[in-house]
Structure formats: C-alpha cells, structure tokens
Amino acid sequence: MSHDSTAAPEAAARKLAGRRRKEIVAVLLFSGGPIFESSIPLSVFGIDRQDAGVPRYRLLVCGGEEGPLRTTGGLELTAPHGLEAISRAGTVVVPAWRSITSPPPEEALDALRRAHEEGARIVGLCTGAFVLAAAGLLDGRPATTHWMYAPTLAKRYPSVHVDPRELFVDDGDVLTSAGTAAGIDLCLHIVRTDHGNEAAGALARRLVVPPRRSGGQERYLDRSLPEEIGADPLAEVVAWALEHLHEQFDVETLAARAYMSRRTFDRRFRSLTGSAPLQWLITQRVLQAQRLLETSDYSVDEVAGRCGFRSPVALRGHFRRQLGSSPAAYRAAYRARRPQSDKPAEADGSGAPSGPPPLLHPEAGPVPLQTRRTAAASAVGSGAQLSASLPGQRSGS
C-alpha cells in the first residue's frame, strides 16, 4: 500500500537547477548503515539493464562523512564521491541512518536542504526518514519509516505526519519508505513514475519481486514499546480502556478517569505516544476485533458489539481503513493460512478470549502479555504505530 499525496503547488512547479540532471541518482551513505538497505538503491539505479527494457540511471555513491564507512559485519566501504557530487543529482536517496537517537552530520543536512531547494527529489528509505526529518524536509508532510521506529519519529518530530501503515509515501518531491524490503517497493515506484509500468515491471522481473505489493506494514507490527511508557500514570487509564473495550465510551471518559480536561488529556496523550487519543481508541477496538476474528466464531455483527462499535458498519469502515480488508475477508485469509488443528479459543462474557489478552502478529501467532501494565504499555505503542486514516487521505497500492 502506498500513499500518494498532491505536492504543494510551489513544490510541483519547482524545476531542477541547471547543473542537476534528472537521470543522475546520488545515494548518500553513512558509517554504521546496514548493508541491505544501502544496497537497494545501488542495485536498482546502478546496474545497466537496458537489455531488459529498463532505462539507465547514472549512479553517484556519496559519503555523508569521512570514510572508510563501516557497515554490517564489520565491512568497510569507500565511497567514490563526497557530498559535493550531490550538486549534480536530480534524485538523492538516503537509504538508512545508523542511529535514531543521534543527529546526522550538519554538512550532510545542508547538502540535502540545498538539493531540495534546487529541485531535486529527496528519498528516505527506512531510517533514512530520520535524516530527512532532521533536515526539516518532512515538516508538515506525510511520511513513513520502519514500523518499529515510527513512534520515535512521530514523537521527536511532531510536525511530521507519520503513517506507519504504509509501505511507502510519495509526497511529490519528498518520498519515504518503510523498513528493509519496502525500500525496493519505493525504488520500483520511482522507476514507474519516471519511465512507466512496463519499465518497472521489467525491473521487478529482474529483481524477482512483485511489481506492486498490496497491503501495508500492519501485518508485521510488534506491539511492544519502551518500558518508560508503562511507568507513566496514563498507563492505568490505558489499562482500564483495554479491559472495557466491549463497552461504548469516548475520549471524554478517559480524560475524566485521568482527572484531566479533554485538552490537557489530548496534549499529554499525544506527547507520550505520538498519537491522538481518538486514533488510539479506534485502533484498539480494531485490534480487539482482529483478535476476535482470529480466535472466535462470533459473527461480524457480534464482533462489532463486543468491541464497542456502535454498528457493524462502523467496524467495517475502520477495519478496512486500518487493515486494508473487510472483517470477513480478513478472517477467511487468517484461517486459510493457520494449521487445521487450531481451534478458536473460548470467549468469556466480556467479548475477549479467555486468559491474558494476546497481542497478535498475524503471521507469528499470539504473544501473551505478562502483566496488565505491560499490556497497557504495549497498547499505547500500537496506537502510535498504527494510526487511523483521516478523512481526505488517499491510499492505494
């Protein structure tokens, strides 16, 4: 799933500076970057595949700092170009950043800002989004990154509209992708944008990957978060909400339980998680519905009632926006891939499966939670990591 938004008029109208060439792609590497993510743009844009009908790009590999650059397994790389070569590129790709807690070199950030001002397309793969955000290039824009780092990106750069559900986000002259293999999806999208479906399809066949992947990052989400969130007083309110998802209540109810005004509660909740409380609450109801669809034989109408939705129609709408399919289709797909010996769990009167509430990874099965506070911390994380679509957003594969 991708998010293609309409670029601002000034960005859409911006032309490349005379010294820059559209076909030149600069890849900005840093020491400590993982080799897989770093290799994606090198392979896509650096190999001549004209015999297969793929137009050729000119690749410039640039060191974002003094070398040699260390990468996975202790390998050392020497970039043939420095930051000055970025001045010739029509596209600049930052495939990864070594640490989400440390700032990138200011010289590299200046080079990215200058490239953007001169009309270059700027691309961040995986944690490369943190470099773009540090340069101010994601301010006020939609973006994505690896689901594991999405809450940190949202919290550290609150002006960035982080959507961790997407495999990539195209905002015109600035593009970002989710983690690891999603970088291939975004690079194929760039080739498709530049040269059409046929060229992108030919490249995909060479790479032995699908030309377009459906769905987003939801299926891969882990619901854990750092322990400090679990120690926050709001975790008690979160725990209460999780225990009463089968009831109909709103954010005002949660604010009252926290002894806060709605405005204060919204601000405190967002600063803690990077997510608005209403988004979080809808997400938790959808996740509960997901669990019941996986572990029970309740009808979709019954699942809606047991998850606090006012109607099955409301469940279907939110479920499709967050998970990309209808509840019935999701249940059918889940049951088709699980072992035949598995049986739905017994459910108690609250509408949840008996035993501690599992936080499910659709491919790996349930992960039991050890304590109520751990469950609250994990649920706060899933709210930050899996945001609800907002009216007016467009998303498509």
Protein backbone atom coordinates (compact mmCIF):
# COMPACT_ATOMS: atom_id res chain seq x y z
CA MET A 1 0.00 0.00 0.00
CA SER A 2 1.29 3.44 -0.82
CA HIS A 3 0.18 6.94 -0.02
CA ASP A 4 0.36 9.38 -2.93
CA SER A 5 -0.48 12.92 -1.94
CA THR A 6 -0.65 16.02 -4.08
CA ALA A 7 2.51 18.04 -3.71
CA ALA A 8 2.26 21.71 -2.84
CA PRO A 9 2.00 23.93 -5.91
CA GLU A 10 5.38 25.51 -5.33
CA ALA A 11 7.00 22.07 -4.95
CA ALA A 12 5.24 20.72 -8.02
CA ALA A 13 6.33 23.71 -10.11
CA ARG A 14 9.96 23.69 -8.90
CA LYS A 15 12.43 22.90 -11.68
CA LEU A 16 15.85 21.34 -11.44
CA ALA A 17 18.75 23.75 -11.26
CA GLY A 18 20.76 23.83 -14.48
CA ARG A 19 23.65 21.75 -13.16
CA ARG A 20 21.39 18.92 -12.00
CA ARG A 21 20.27 16.07 -14.26
CA LYS A 22 17.09 14.06 -13.79
CA GLU A 23 18.79 10.77 -14.68
CA ILE A 24 21.52 11.18 -12.04
CA VAL A 25 20.80 9.47 -8.71
CA ALA A 26 23.03 10.19 -5.71
CA VAL A 27 22.99 7.67 -2.86
CA LEU A 28 24.15 9.14 0.45
CA LEU A 29 25.88 6.59 2.70
CA PHE A 30 26.94 6.91 6.33
CA SER A 31 29.14 4.80 8.54
CA GLY A 32 27.13 2.29 10.56
CA GLY A 33 24.35 1.99 8.00
CA PRO A 34 23.02 -1.54 7.34
CA ILE A 35 24.30 -3.04 4.11
CA PHE A 36 20.95 -4.42 2.90
CA GLU A 37 19.15 -1.08 2.85
CA SER A 38 22.26 0.59 1.44
CA SER A 39 22.47 -1.91 -1.40
CA ILE A 40 18.86 -1.43 -2.61
CA PRO A 41 19.30 1.88 -4.46
CA LEU A 42 22.74 0.78 -5.66
CA SER A 43 21.22 -2.27 -7.31
CA VAL A 44 18.12 -0.53 -8.68
CA PHE A 45 19.81 2.58 -10.07
CA GLY A 46 23.42 1.44 -10.53
CA ILE A 47 23.17 -1.57 -12.85
CA ASP A 48 22.70 -1.26 -16.59
CA ARG A 49 19.61 -3.28 -17.54
CA GLN A 50 18.83 -1.62 -20.84
CA ASP A 51 18.82 -5.07 -22.49
CA ALA A 52 15.69 -5.81 -20.43
CA GLY A 53 13.99 -2.56 -21.35
CA VAL A 54 14.92 -0.66 -18.18
CA PRO A 55 16.16 2.89 -18.90
CA ARG A 56 19.55 3.59 -17.41
CA TYR A 57 20.23 5.91 -14.50
CA ARG A 58 23.63 7.39 -13.65
CA LEU A 59 24.60 6.48 -10.08
CA LEU A 60 26.78 8.56 -7.77
CA VAL A 61 27.66 6.91 -4.45
CA CYS A 62 28.46 9.68 -1.96
CA GLY A 63 29.92 9.51 1.52
CA GLY A 64 27.98 11.59 4.01
CA GLU A 65 31.05 11.76 6.25
CA GLU A 66 34.73 10.89 6.23
CA GLY A 67 35.49 7.27 5.32
CA PRO A 68 36.05 4.46 5.37
CA LEU A 69 32.40 3.71 6.15
CA ARG A 70 31.76 0.68 8.31
CA THR A 71 28.68 -1.43 7.66
CA THR A 72 27.12 -4.79 8.58
CA GLY A 73 29.57 -7.50 9.64
CA GLY A 74 32.45 -5.08 10.03
CA LEU A 75 32.82 -4.48 6.29
CA GLU A 76 34.44 -1.22 5.28
CA LEU A 77 33.29 0.78 2.26
CA THR A 78 34.95 3.64 0.43
CA ALA A 79 32.53 5.95 -1.36
CA PRO A 80 33.92 7.23 -4.69
CA HIS A 81 32.29 10.66 -4.19
CA GLY A 82 31.82 13.14 -1.39
CA LEU A 83 28.96 15.49 -0.60
CA GLU A 84 29.93 17.82 -3.45
CA ALA A 85 28.68 15.26 -6.01
CA ILE A 86 25.12 15.65 -4.73
CA SER A 87 25.02 19.00 -6.54
CA ARG A 88 24.66 17.13 -9.88
CA ALA A 89 21.83 14.78 -8.86
CA GLY A 90 18.17 15.03 -9.76
CA THR A 91 17.36 12.43 -7.11
CA VAL A 92 19.08 11.97 -3.74
CA VAL A 93 18.49 8.75 -1.79
CA VAL A 94 19.29 8.29 1.90
CA PRO A 95 18.95 4.52 2.38
CA ALA A 96 19.42 4.39 6.15
CA TRP A 97 20.80 6.15 9.22
CA ARG A 98 22.88 4.41 11.85
CA SER A 99 21.03 5.56 14.97
CA ILE A 100 17.63 7.09 15.56
CA THR A 101 18.99 8.72 18.73
CA SER A 102 21.96 10.58 17.24
CA PRO A 103 21.87 13.60 14.91
CA PRO A 104 23.21 13.29 11.35
CA PRO A 105 26.21 15.43 10.31
CA GLU A 106 25.20 19.03 9.69
CA GLU A 107 27.18 19.13 6.44
CA ALA A 108 25.05 16.30 5.04
CA LEU A 109 21.84 18.01 6.18
CA ASP A 110 22.92 21.24 4.45
CA ALA A 111 23.59 19.30 1.24
CA LEU A 112 20.11 17.75 1.37
CA ARG A 113 18.43 21.10 2.01
CA ARG A 114 20.32 22.68 -0.87
CA ALA A 115 19.44 19.79 -3.19
CA HIS A 116 15.76 20.13 -2.33
CA GLU A 117 15.83 23.90 -2.85
CA GLU A 118 17.33 23.30 -6.28
CA GLY A 119 14.50 20.97 -7.29
CA ALA A 120 15.99 17.55 -6.56
CA ARG A 121 13.74 14.69 -5.48
CA ILE A 122 14.70 13.55 -1.95
CA VAL A 123 14.13 9.94 -0.89
CA GLY A 124 14.49 8.36 2.55
CA LEU A 125 14.42 4.57 2.89
CA CYS A 126 13.70 3.01 6.30
CA THR A 127 15.55 5.06 8.96
CA GLY A 128 16.71 7.45 6.26
CA ALA A 129 13.48 9.26 7.12
CA PHE A 130 15.17 10.45 10.33
CA VAL A 131 17.83 12.21 8.25
CA LEU A 132 15.17 13.91 6.10
CA ALA A 133 13.28 14.93 9.24
CA ALA A 134 16.45 16.33 10.83
CA ALA A 135 16.95 18.43 7.70
CA GLY A 136 13.41 19.82 8.06
CA LEU A 137 12.31 18.30 4.76
CA LEU A 138 9.39 16.36 6.31
CA ASP A 139 7.86 19.27 8.22
CA GLY A 140 4.11 19.34 7.58
CA ARG A 141 4.33 16.34 5.26
CA PRO A 142 3.08 12.74 5.42
CA ALA A 143 5.89 10.20 5.86
CA THR A 144 6.58 6.66 6.95
CA THR A 145 9.50 4.62 8.26
CA HIS A 146 10.08 1.18 9.75
CA TRP A 147 7.09 0.41 12.00
CA MET A 148 9.44 -0.21 14.93
CA TYR A 149 10.74 3.37 14.78
CA ALA A 150 7.51 5.15 13.79
CA PRO A 151 6.57 6.20 17.37
CA THR A 152 10.03 7.67 17.88
CA LEU A 153 9.85 9.60 14.60
CA ALA A 154 6.39 10.94 15.49
CA LYS A 155 7.44 11.96 18.99
CA ARG A 156 10.77 13.52 18.03
CA TYR A 157 9.41 15.39 15.01
CA PRO A 158 5.78 16.27 15.88
CA SER A 159 5.34 18.36 12.73
CA VAL A 160 5.77 15.21 10.60
CA HIS A 161 2.56 13.31 9.83
CA VAL A 162 3.85 9.78 10.42
CA ASP A 163 1.75 6.98 8.93
CA PRO A 164 3.34 3.66 9.91
CA ARG A 165 0.75 1.63 8.00
CA GLU A 166 2.21 2.45 4.60
CA LEU A 167 4.95 0.66 2.68
CA PHE A 168 5.93 4.00 1.19
CA VAL A 169 4.66 7.57 0.97
CA ASP A 170 5.08 9.72 -2.15
CA ASP A 171 4.63 13.40 -1.36
CA GLY A 172 5.84 14.65 -4.73
CA ASP A 173 9.39 15.86 -4.25
CA VAL A 174 9.96 14.04 -0.95
CA LEU A 175 9.39 10.28 -0.59
CA THR A 176 9.85 7.86 2.30
CA SER A 177 9.56 4.10 2.72
CA ALA A 178 9.02 1.60 5.49
CA GLY A 179 11.78 -0.73 6.60
CA THR A 180 14.11 -3.03 4.72
CA ALA A 181 12.33 -4.64 1.74
CA ALA A 182 9.89 -1.73 1.45
CA GLY A 183 12.83 0.21 0.05
CA ILE A 184 12.55 -1.98 -3.06
CA ASP A 185 8.87 -1.06 -3.35
CA LEU A 186 9.67 2.64 -3.28
CA CYS A 187 12.54 2.36 -5.76
CA LEU A 188 10.27 0.45 -8.16
CA HIS A 189 7.68 3.19 -7.69
CA ILE A 190 10.28 5.79 -8.67
CA VAL A 191 11.15 3.85 -11.84
CA ARG A 192 7.42 3.52 -12.57
CA THR A 193 6.94 7.27 -12.09
CA ASP A 194 9.90 8.12 -14.31
CA HIS A 195 9.51 5.53 -17.09
CA GLY A 196 6.12 3.81 -16.77
CA ASN A 197 4.70 0.44 -15.77
CA GLU A 198 6.50 -1.55 -18.43
CA ALA A 199 9.95 -0.46 -17.29
CA ALA A 200 9.09 -1.02 -13.62
CA GLY A 201 7.68 -4.46 -14.44
CA ALA A 202 10.82 -5.42 -16.34
CA LEU A 203 12.98 -4.34 -13.42
CA ALA A 204 10.78 -6.24 -10.95
CA ARG A 205 11.21 -9.41 -13.00
CA ARG A 206 14.99 -8.98 -12.92
CA LEU A 207 14.89 -8.48 -9.15
CA VAL A 208 12.45 -11.42 -8.78
CA VAL A 209 9.99 -9.33 -6.77
CA PRO A 210 6.34 -8.36 -7.37
CA PRO A 211 6.00 -5.07 -9.27
CA ARG A 212 3.47 -3.89 -6.68
CA ARG A 213 2.80 -5.25 -3.21
CA SER A 214 -0.68 -4.90 -1.74
CA GLY A 215 -1.26 -4.15 1.91
CA GLY A 216 0.97 -2.23 4.28
CA GLN A 217 3.03 -2.75 7.44
CA GLU A 218 0.10 -3.72 9.71
CA ARG A 219 0.77 -7.44 9.34
CA TYR A 220 4.31 -7.02 10.68
CA LEU A 221 3.61 -4.85 13.71
CA ASP A 222 5.01 -5.85 17.08
CA ARG A 223 3.02 -4.25 19.89
CA SER A 224 5.88 -3.62 22.33
CA LEU A 225 7.20 -0.21 23.41
CA PRO A 226 9.95 1.03 25.74
CA GLU A 227 9.36 0.36 29.43
CA GLU A 228 9.16 4.06 30.37
CA ILE A 229 5.71 4.33 28.82
CA GLY A 230 4.48 1.52 31.01
CA ALA A 231 5.57 3.51 34.07
CA ASP A 232 3.56 6.58 33.07
CA PRO A 233 0.40 7.32 35.12
CA LEU A 234 -1.67 7.30 31.93
CA ALA A 235 -0.89 3.60 31.60
CA GLU A 236 -3.56 2.95 34.27
CA VAL A 237 -6.16 4.72 32.13
CA VAL A 238 -4.99 2.74 29.12
CA ALA A 239 -5.32 -0.49 31.09
CA TRP A 240 -8.89 0.40 32.09
CA ALA A 241 -9.76 1.17 28.47
CA LEU A 242 -8.38 -2.18 27.31
CA GLU A 243 -10.46 -4.02 29.89
CA HIS A 244 -13.64 -2.22 28.78
CA LEU A 245 -13.33 -2.21 25.01
CA HIS A 246 -16.62 -4.12 24.83
CA GLU A 247 -18.32 -1.00 26.24
CA GLN A 248 -19.16 2.18 24.38
CA PHE A 249 -17.15 5.07 25.81
CA ASP A 250 -15.28 8.02 24.33
CA VAL A 251 -12.15 10.07 24.94
CA GLU A 252 -14.01 12.32 27.39
CA THR A 253 -14.50 9.25 29.58
CA LEU A 254 -10.76 8.54 29.54
CA ALA A 255 -9.93 12.17 30.31
CA ALA A 256 -12.29 12.09 33.30
CA ARG A 257 -10.64 8.93 34.63
CA ALA A 258 -7.26 10.67 34.34
CA TYR A 259 -8.68 13.71 36.22
CA MET A 260 -7.75 15.97 33.30
CA SER A 261 -9.57 18.30 30.99
CA ARG A 262 -10.05 16.98 27.46
CA ARG A 263 -7.50 19.44 26.10
CA THR A 264 -4.87 18.54 28.71
CA PHE A 265 -5.51 14.83 28.24
CA ASP A 266 -5.17 15.10 24.46
CA ARG A 267 -1.91 17.01 24.77
CA ARG A 268 -0.46 14.65 27.40
CA PHE A 269 -1.50 11.54 25.50
CA ARG A 270 -0.07 12.79 22.21
CA SER A 271 3.25 13.80 23.80
CA LEU A 272 3.55 10.33 25.29
CA THR A 273 2.63 8.27 22.24
CA GLY A 274 2.75 10.49 19.17
CA SER A 275 -0.89 9.53 18.54
CA ALA A 276 -4.17 11.31 19.23
CA PRO A 277 -6.32 9.51 21.85
CA LEU A 278 -9.26 9.10 19.45
CA GLN A 279 -6.98 7.43 16.91
CA TRP A 280 -5.60 5.19 19.62
CA LEU A 281 -9.05 4.20 20.86
CA ILE A 282 -10.30 3.34 17.37
CA THR A 283 -7.13 1.37 16.74
CA GLN A 284 -7.57 -0.66 19.94
CA ARG A 285 -11.15 -1.50 19.02
CA VAL A 286 -9.98 -2.63 15.58
CA LEU A 287 -7.19 -4.72 17.14
CA GLN A 288 -9.70 -6.32 19.51
CA ALA A 289 -11.92 -7.09 16.53
CA GLN A 290 -8.90 -8.57 14.77
CA ARG A 291 -8.24 -10.84 17.76
CA LEU A 292 -11.87 -11.99 17.95
CA LEU A 293 -11.99 -12.70 14.23
CA GLU A 294 -8.89 -14.84 14.65
CA THR A 295 -9.84 -16.65 17.86
CA SER A 296 -13.64 -16.95 17.92
CA ASP A 297 -16.64 -17.89 15.79
CA TYR A 298 -18.60 -14.72 16.55
CA SER A 299 -20.34 -13.18 13.56
CA VAL A 300 -19.09 -9.82 12.31
CA ASP A 301 -22.13 -8.16 13.90
CA GLU A 302 -21.35 -9.77 17.25
CA VAL A 303 -17.68 -8.79 16.99
CA ALA A 304 -18.71 -5.17 16.39
CA GLY A 305 -20.80 -5.14 19.56
CA ARG A 306 -18.12 -6.84 21.65
CA CYS A 307 -15.53 -4.26 20.57
CA GLY A 308 -17.60 -1.19 21.43
CA PHE A 309 -18.50 -0.15 17.89
CA ARG A 310 -21.94 1.40 17.58
CA SER A 311 -22.73 -0.66 14.49
CA PRO A 312 -21.24 -3.32 12.16
CA VAL A 313 -20.98 -0.58 9.52
CA ALA A 314 -18.63 1.41 11.79
CA LEU A 315 -16.49 -1.68 12.38
CA ARG A 316 -16.24 -2.46 8.67
CA GLY A 317 -15.23 1.11 7.80
CA HIS A 318 -12.49 1.41 10.44
CA PHE A 319 -11.30 -2.16 9.87
CA ARG A 320 -10.87 -1.63 6.14
CA ARG A 321 -9.10 1.71 6.61
CA GLN A 322 -6.59 0.28 9.07
CA LEU A 323 -6.06 -3.25 7.78
CA GLY A 324 -6.95 -2.94 4.13
CA SER A 325 -9.66 -5.61 4.01
CA SER A 326 -13.14 -6.35 5.31
CA PRO A 327 -13.53 -8.28 8.59
CA ALA A 328 -14.95 -11.29 6.76
CA ALA A 329 -12.12 -11.34 4.23
CA TYR A 330 -9.53 -10.97 6.99
CA ARG A 331 -10.98 -13.93 8.93
CA ALA A 332 -11.07 -16.09 5.80
CA ALA A 333 -7.45 -15.28 4.93
CA TYR A 334 -6.27 -15.86 8.50
CA ARG A 335 -7.96 -19.24 8.76
CA ALA A 336 -6.69 -20.30 5.35
CA ARG A 337 -3.07 -19.97 6.48
CA ARG A 338 -3.29 -21.39 10.01
CA PRO A 339 -2.90 -25.13 10.80
CA GLN A 340 -6.12 -27.13 10.55
CA SER A 341 -5.63 -28.39 14.10
CA ASP A 342 -6.01 -24.89 15.54
CA LYS A 343 -9.41 -24.13 17.01
CA PRO A 344 -10.99 -20.83 18.07
CA ALA A 345 -10.47 -20.05 21.73
CA GLU A 346 -13.36 -19.92 24.18
CA ALA A 347 -14.56 -16.42 24.85
CA ASP A 348 -15.88 -15.11 28.13
CA GLY A 349 -18.70 -12.66 28.67
CA SER A 350 -16.50 -9.62 28.09
CA GLY A 351 -16.10 -10.49 24.44
CA ALA A 352 -12.39 -11.28 24.72
CA PRO A 353 -10.78 -14.72 24.53
CA SER A 354 -10.22 -16.26 27.96
CA GLY A 355 -6.81 -15.86 29.55
CA PRO A 356 -4.47 -12.89 29.25
CA PRO A 357 -5.23 -10.75 26.19
CA PRO A 358 -2.83 -11.66 23.36
CA LEU A 359 -1.33 -9.05 21.13
CA LEU A 360 -1.20 -10.79 17.79
CA HIS A 361 1.23 -10.73 14.95
CA PRO A 362 -0.87 -12.15 12.09
CA GLU A 363 1.97 -14.33 10.82
CA ALA A 364 3.53 -15.49 14.08
CA GLY A 365 0.52 -16.03 16.35
CA PRO A 366 -0.30 -14.63 19.81
CA VAL A 367 2.25 -13.20 22.17
CA PRO A 368 0.97 -13.48 25.77
CA LEU A 369 1.24 -10.40 27.95
CA GLN A 370 2.70 -10.83 31.39
CA THR A 371 1.04 -8.04 33.34
CA ARG A 372 -1.77 -5.54 32.96
CA ARG A 373 0.72 -2.66 32.94
CA THR A 374 2.74 -4.36 30.18
CA ALA A 375 -0.46 -4.71 28.20
CA ALA A 376 -1.14 -1.01 28.67
CA ALA A 377 2.34 -0.06 27.54
CA SER A 378 2.10 -2.30 24.51
CA ALA A 379 -1.31 -0.92 23.59
CA VAL A 380 -0.09 2.65 23.85
CA GLY A 381 2.61 1.62 21.40
CA SER A 382 0.22 0.12 18.92
CA GLY A 383 -1.77 3.33 18.94
CA ALA A 384 1.31 5.28 17.98
CA GLN A 385 2.39 2.71 15.44
CA LEU A 386 -0.92 2.03 13.70
CA SER A 387 -2.78 5.27 13.09
CA ALA A 388 -6.28 5.53 11.70
CA SER A 389 -6.70 7.06 8.27
CA LEU A 390 -8.03 10.59 8.36
CA PRO A 391 -10.80 11.83 6.05
CA GLY A 392 -9.36 13.13 2.83
CA GLN A 393 -6.26 10.94 2.84
CA ARG A 394 -5.83 8.81 -0.24
CA SER A 395 -4.11 5.47 -0.15
CA GLY A 396 -3.72 2.93 -2.88
CA SER A 397 -1.49 0.12 -3.99
